[in-house]
Every structure is written in structure tokens, then in C-alpha cells.
C-alpha atoms as a PDB file:
ATOM      1  CA  MET A   1      48.981  17.001 -10.631  1.00  0.00           C
ATOM      2  CA  ARG A   2      49.333  19.030  -7.443  1.00  0.00           C
ATOM      3  CA  ASP A   3      46.429  21.259  -8.520  1.00  0.00           C
ATOM      4  CA  LEU A   4      44.238  18.206  -9.066  1.00  0.00           C
ATOM      5  CA  ARG A   5      45.043  16.851  -5.574  1.00  0.00           C
ATOM      6  CA  SER A   6      44.382  20.275  -4.089  1.00  0.00           C
ATOM      7  CA  ALA A   7      41.021  20.520  -5.866  1.00  0.00           C
ATOM      8  CA  ILE A   8      40.016  17.024  -4.714  1.00  0.00           C
ATOM      9  CA  ALA A   9      41.053  17.776  -1.130  1.00  0.00           C
ATOM     10  CA  SER A  10      39.093  21.062  -1.173  1.00  0.00           C
ATOM     11  CA  GLY A  11      36.053  19.238  -2.515  1.00  0.00           C
ATOM     12  CA  LEU A  12      36.255  16.579   0.197  1.00  0.00           C
ATOM     13  CA  ILE A  13      36.629  19.206   2.921  1.00  0.00           C
ATOM     14  CA  ALA A  14      33.628  21.126   1.573  1.00  0.00           C
ATOM     15  CA  PHE A  15      31.568  17.922   1.421  1.00  0.00           C
ATOM     16  CA  ALA A  16      32.549  16.969   4.983  1.00  0.00           C
ATOM     17  CA  ALA A  17      31.646  20.436   6.264  1.00  0.00           C
ATOM     18  CA  TRP A  18      28.287  20.301   4.492  1.00  0.00           C
ATOM     19  CA  THR A  19      27.409  16.871   5.920  1.00  0.00           C
ATOM     20  CA  LEU A  20      28.380  17.954   9.433  1.00  0.00           C
ATOM     21  CA  THR A  21      26.210  21.078   9.312  1.00  0.00           C
ATOM     22  CA  THR A  22      23.216  19.428   7.651  1.00  0.00           C
ATOM     23  CA  SER A  23      20.845  17.715  10.053  1.00  0.00           C
ATOM     24  CA  PRO A  24      18.839  14.748   8.817  1.00  0.00           C
ATOM     25  CA  SER A  25      15.367  15.662   7.634  1.00  0.00           C
ATOM     26  CA  PRO A  26      12.510  14.507   9.858  1.00  0.00           C
ATOM     27  CA  ALA A  27      10.249  14.372   6.785  1.00  0.00           C
ATOM     28  CA  ASP A  28       7.682  11.598   6.597  1.00  0.00           C
ATOM     29  CA  THR A  29       5.031  10.239   4.237  1.00  0.00           C
ATOM     30  CA  GLY A  30       1.252  10.402   4.575  1.00  0.00           C
ATOM     31  CA  SER A  31      -1.543   8.861   2.522  1.00  0.00           C
ATOM     32  CA  VAL A  32      -3.910  11.024   0.482  1.00  0.00           C
ATOM     33  CA  HIS A  33      -7.411  10.472  -0.922  1.00  0.00           C
ATOM     34  CA  VAL A  34      -8.840  13.143  -3.270  1.00  0.00           C
ATOM     35  CA  LEU A  35     -12.175  13.426  -5.116  1.00  0.00           C
ATOM     36  CA  PHE A  36     -11.930  16.098  -7.839  1.00  0.00           C
ATOM     37  CA  SER A  37     -14.399  17.224 -10.536  1.00  0.00           C
ATOM     38  CA  LYS A  38     -13.486  19.313 -13.570  1.00  0.00           C
ATOM     39  CA  ALA A  39     -15.348  20.972 -16.454  1.00  0.00           C
ATOM     40  CA  GLY A  40     -14.384  23.254 -19.312  1.00  0.00           C
ATOM     41  CA  ILE A  41     -13.439  23.894 -22.907  1.00  0.00           C
ATOM     42  CA  ILE A  42     -10.018  25.477 -23.610  1.00  0.00           C
ATOM     43  CA  ALA A  43      -9.777  26.437 -19.925  1.00  0.00           C
ATOM     44  CA  ALA A  44     -11.118  24.066 -17.289  1.00  0.00           C
ATOM     45  CA  VAL A  45     -11.843  24.692 -13.633  1.00  0.00           C
ATOM     46  CA  GLY A  46     -12.419  22.204 -10.905  1.00  0.00           C
ATOM     47  CA  ASN A  47     -12.675  21.651  -7.210  1.00  0.00           C
ATOM     48  CA  GLY A  48     -12.823  18.857  -4.737  1.00  0.00           C
ATOM     49  CA  THR A  49     -12.073  17.586  -1.292  1.00  0.00           C
ATOM     50  CA  GLY A  50      -9.525  15.273   0.184  1.00  0.00           C
ATOM     51  CA  VAL A  51      -8.180  13.714   3.332  1.00  0.00           C
ATOM     52  CA  LEU A  52      -4.566  13.415   4.417  1.00  0.00           C
ATOM     53  CA  THR A  53      -3.841  10.574   6.840  1.00  0.00           C
ATOM     54  CA  PHE A  54      -0.643  11.396   8.710  1.00  0.00           C
ATOM     55  CA  HIS A  55       0.618   9.616  11.843  1.00  0.00           C
ATOM     56  CA  GLY A  56      -2.778   7.987  12.349  1.00  0.00           C
ATOM     57  CA  LYS A  57      -4.780  11.226  12.221  1.00  0.00           C
ATOM     58  CA  LYS A  58      -7.035  12.466   9.408  1.00  0.00           C
ATOM     59  CA  TYR A  59      -6.739  16.034   8.093  1.00  0.00           C
ATOM     60  CA  PRO A  60      -9.414  17.218   5.624  1.00  0.00           C
ATOM     61  CA  PHE A  61      -8.557  19.689   2.873  1.00  0.00           C
ATOM     62  CA  ASP A  62     -10.099  21.468  -0.107  1.00  0.00           C
ATOM     63  CA  VAL A  63      -8.668  21.372  -3.624  1.00  0.00           C
ATOM     64  CA  SER A  64      -9.273  23.940  -6.346  1.00  0.00           C
ATOM     65  CA  GLY A  65      -7.626  24.264  -9.688  1.00  0.00           C
ATOM     66  CA  ALA A  66      -7.621  25.486 -13.230  1.00  0.00           C
ATOM     67  CA  SER A  67      -5.988  24.341 -16.439  1.00  0.00           C
ATOM     68  CA  PHE A  68      -5.409  26.117 -19.707  1.00  0.00           C
ATOM     69  CA  GLY A  69      -4.560  24.587 -23.052  1.00  0.00           C
ATOM     70  CA  ALA A  70      -6.144  22.146 -25.446  1.00  0.00           C
ATOM     71  CA  THR A  71      -8.826  20.985 -23.027  1.00  0.00           C
ATOM     72  CA  LEU A  72     -12.273  19.429 -23.243  1.00  0.00           C
ATOM     73  CA  ALA A  73     -13.334  18.170 -19.836  1.00  0.00           C
ATOM     74  CA  LEU A  74     -16.331  16.991 -17.854  1.00  0.00           C
ATOM     75  CA  SER A  75     -14.872  14.447 -15.462  1.00  0.00           C
ATOM     76  CA  ILE A  76     -14.618  13.203 -11.912  1.00  0.00           C
ATOM     77  CA  ASP A  77     -11.312  11.854 -10.644  1.00  0.00           C
ATOM     78  CA  GLU A  78     -10.711   9.838  -7.500  1.00  0.00           C
ATOM     79  CA  PHE A  79      -7.025   9.861  -6.645  1.00  0.00           C
ATOM     80  CA  VAL A  80      -5.222   7.946  -3.914  1.00  0.00           C
ATOM     81  CA  GLY A  81      -1.532   7.926  -3.152  1.00  0.00           C
ATOM     82  CA  GLN A  82       1.174   9.484  -1.063  1.00  0.00           C
ATOM     83  CA  ALA A  83       2.203  12.891   0.180  1.00  0.00           C
ATOM     84  CA  GLN A  84       5.961  12.656   0.577  1.00  0.00           C
ATOM     85  CA  ASN A  85       8.372  14.940   2.459  1.00  0.00           C
ATOM     86  CA  LEU A  86       5.851  16.023   5.094  1.00  0.00           C
ATOM     87  CA  ARG A  87       7.146  17.455   8.348  1.00  0.00           C
ATOM     88  CA  ASP A  88       3.741  18.741   9.460  1.00  0.00           C
ATOM     89  CA  PRO A  89       0.221  18.233   8.019  1.00  0.00           C
ATOM     90  CA  GLY A  90       0.115  21.944   7.128  1.00  0.00           C
ATOM     91  CA  ASP A  91       2.995  21.418   4.677  1.00  0.00           C
ATOM     92  CA  LEU A  92       0.450  19.869   2.290  1.00  0.00           C
ATOM     93  CA  ALA A  93      -1.197  23.267   1.759  1.00  0.00           C
ATOM     94  CA  GLY A  94       0.034  25.340  -1.145  1.00  0.00           C
ATOM     95  CA  THR A  95       0.053  25.674  -4.889  1.00  0.00           C
ATOM     96  CA  TYR A  96       1.079  22.865  -7.200  1.00  0.00           C
ATOM     97  CA  THR A  97       1.774  23.304 -10.924  1.00  0.00           C
ATOM     98  CA  ALA A  98       1.796  20.591 -13.573  1.00  0.00           C
ATOM     99  CA  VAL A  99       2.123  20.264 -17.315  1.00  0.00           C
ATOM    100  CA  GLY A 100       0.555  17.184 -18.776  1.00  0.00           C
ATOM    101  CA  ALA A 101      -1.774  15.389 -21.090  1.00  0.00           C
ATOM    102  CA  GLY A 102      -4.518  12.893 -20.424  1.00  0.00           C
ATOM    103  CA  GLY A 103      -7.789  11.482 -21.529  1.00  0.00           C
ATOM    104  CA  ALA A 104     -10.856   9.469 -20.684  1.00  0.00           C
ATOM    105  CA  LEU A 105     -13.981   8.499 -22.550  1.00  0.00           C
ATOM    106  CA  VAL A 106     -16.632   7.267 -20.085  1.00  0.00           C
ATOM    107  CA  ALA A 107     -13.983   5.655 -17.842  1.00  0.00           C
ATOM    108  CA  GLY A 108     -10.229   5.688 -17.654  1.00  0.00           C
ATOM    109  CA  ALA A 109      -7.338   6.161 -15.300  1.00  0.00           C
ATOM    110  CA  GLY A 110      -5.127   9.042 -14.360  1.00  0.00           C
ATOM    111  CA  ALA A 111      -1.853   9.597 -12.549  1.00  0.00           C
ATOM    112  CA  VAL A 112      -0.152  12.753 -11.364  1.00  0.00           C
ATOM    113  CA  ARG A 113       3.059  13.781  -9.621  1.00  0.00           C
ATOM    114  CA  LEU A 114       3.127  17.327  -8.219  1.00  0.00           C
ATOM    115  CA  GLN A 115       5.346  19.351  -5.897  1.00  0.00           C
ATOM    116  CA  ASN A 116       4.651  22.521  -3.901  1.00  0.00           C
ATOM    117  CA  ALA A 117       6.985  25.206  -2.519  1.00  0.00           C
ATOM    118  CA  ASN A 118       7.169  23.366   0.835  1.00  0.00           C
ATOM    119  CA  GLY A 119       8.870  20.438  -0.923  1.00  0.00           C
ATOM    120  CA  VAL A 120       5.852  18.152  -0.521  1.00  0.00           C
ATOM    121  CA  VAL A 121       5.533  15.723  -3.424  1.00  0.00           C
ATOM    122  CA  LEU A 122       2.121  14.250  -4.255  1.00  0.00           C
ATOM    123  CA  VAL A 123       2.168  10.942  -6.118  1.00  0.00           C
ATOM    124  CA  LEU A 124      -1.440  10.071  -6.949  1.00  0.00           C
ATOM    125  CA  SER A 125      -3.333   7.751  -9.276  1.00  0.00           C
ATOM    126  CA  GLY A 126      -6.864   6.525  -9.705  1.00  0.00           C
ATOM    127  CA  PRO A 127      -9.940   6.137 -11.851  1.00  0.00           C
ATOM    128  CA  ARG A 128     -11.448   8.894 -13.989  1.00  0.00           C
ATOM    129  CA  LEU A 129     -15.123   8.927 -14.968  1.00  0.00           C
ATOM    130  CA  GLY A 130     -16.451  11.174 -17.725  1.00  0.00           C
ATOM    131  CA  VAL A 131     -15.006  12.769 -20.851  1.00  0.00           C
ATOM    132  CA  GLU A 132     -11.627  14.451 -20.811  1.00  0.00           C
ATOM    133  CA  LEU A 133      -9.035  15.183 -23.468  1.00  0.00           C
ATOM    134  CA  SER A 134      -6.283  17.579 -22.517  1.00  0.00           C
ATOM    135  CA  ALA A 135      -2.794  18.866 -23.121  1.00  0.00           C
ATOM    136  CA  SER A 136      -2.523  21.717 -20.701  1.00  0.00           C
ATOM    137  CA  LEU A 137      -0.839  23.619 -17.900  1.00  0.00           C
ATOM    138  CA  ALA A 138      -2.613  23.116 -14.574  1.00  0.00           C
ATOM    139  CA  ARG A 139      -2.407  24.990 -11.298  1.00  0.00           C
ATOM    140  CA  ILE A 140      -3.842  23.296  -8.220  1.00  0.00           C
ATOM    141  CA  THR A 141      -4.242  24.835  -4.758  1.00  0.00           C
ATOM    142  CA  ILE A 142      -4.718  22.830  -1.566  1.00  0.00           C
ATOM    143  CA  THR A 143      -6.180  24.534   1.495  1.00  0.00           C
ATOM    144  CA  MET A 144      -6.351  22.768   4.845  1.00  0.00           C
ATOM    145  CA  LYS A 145      -9.766  22.935   6.548  1.00  0.00           C
END
């Protein structure tokens, strides 16, 4: 019983020390609008442009990506959503990786949730126009203009 109390006390002390040394994150959320086109069989490549709106200012960026897997694609996606955990607009830049499946025949909808090494999480959704059937691994890179 004494060992259990000692372990609990040690855990509480460690937790208290961690909370005292950790400063609250000044991270914020911005809105994102992306227009992305993709084409390919087996492997697909695509590119597009987007705009991050953060603290009332607009920051344009380029998007490029590739996917590999069971893919047949000739589509245009228009995604809108949020970029979460931003401290600075430049945090949006980086490489995002996703595994997923999706489809569209003439028109459909898509949704994606991605995270980069900076901790930025993109939560996007929107309409898809074209033909796309996929079950693939995708790698997307965002570069600020």
C-alpha cells in the first residue's frame, strides 16, 4: 500500500512539474481554400493553388502532390476548411502524408484531414468534379508564395 501511495505521489509531482514548465500554446486557426487538379493511372500527380486567411490577412500558396496505389484519376477538387495549430502563416508549409480511398464519377465530394511536421492540421472538404477512383498513399507539399 505504501508503494502505491509513493507511486501516486511521484506521478502527481511529475505532472505538477510538467504543467508548471509548459507554457500555453499560442496556436490559432486559419481558413484555407484550395483548388487542386489531379491525373493519373496507378500513380497520379497533381498541383494547385490555395489561400490561407490568418488574422485577417491572405497568404497564397502552391500545392503539389503525388499518390501511388490503385488509382484512376482525372479530377478537380475545391477544398475549403481550417488550418489548425498555426503559430505563424509559414507553419502551413511542409509535407503532408495521407492514406485513403475516394471516388467521383462526374461530380462528388471529398474530405481530407492531414498533418505536417510543424503540427499544423488541415481539415478540408469540398466538391470534386471529374472521374476518380483511388485507394492510395498520397504525399502533398505546400509551399508559401
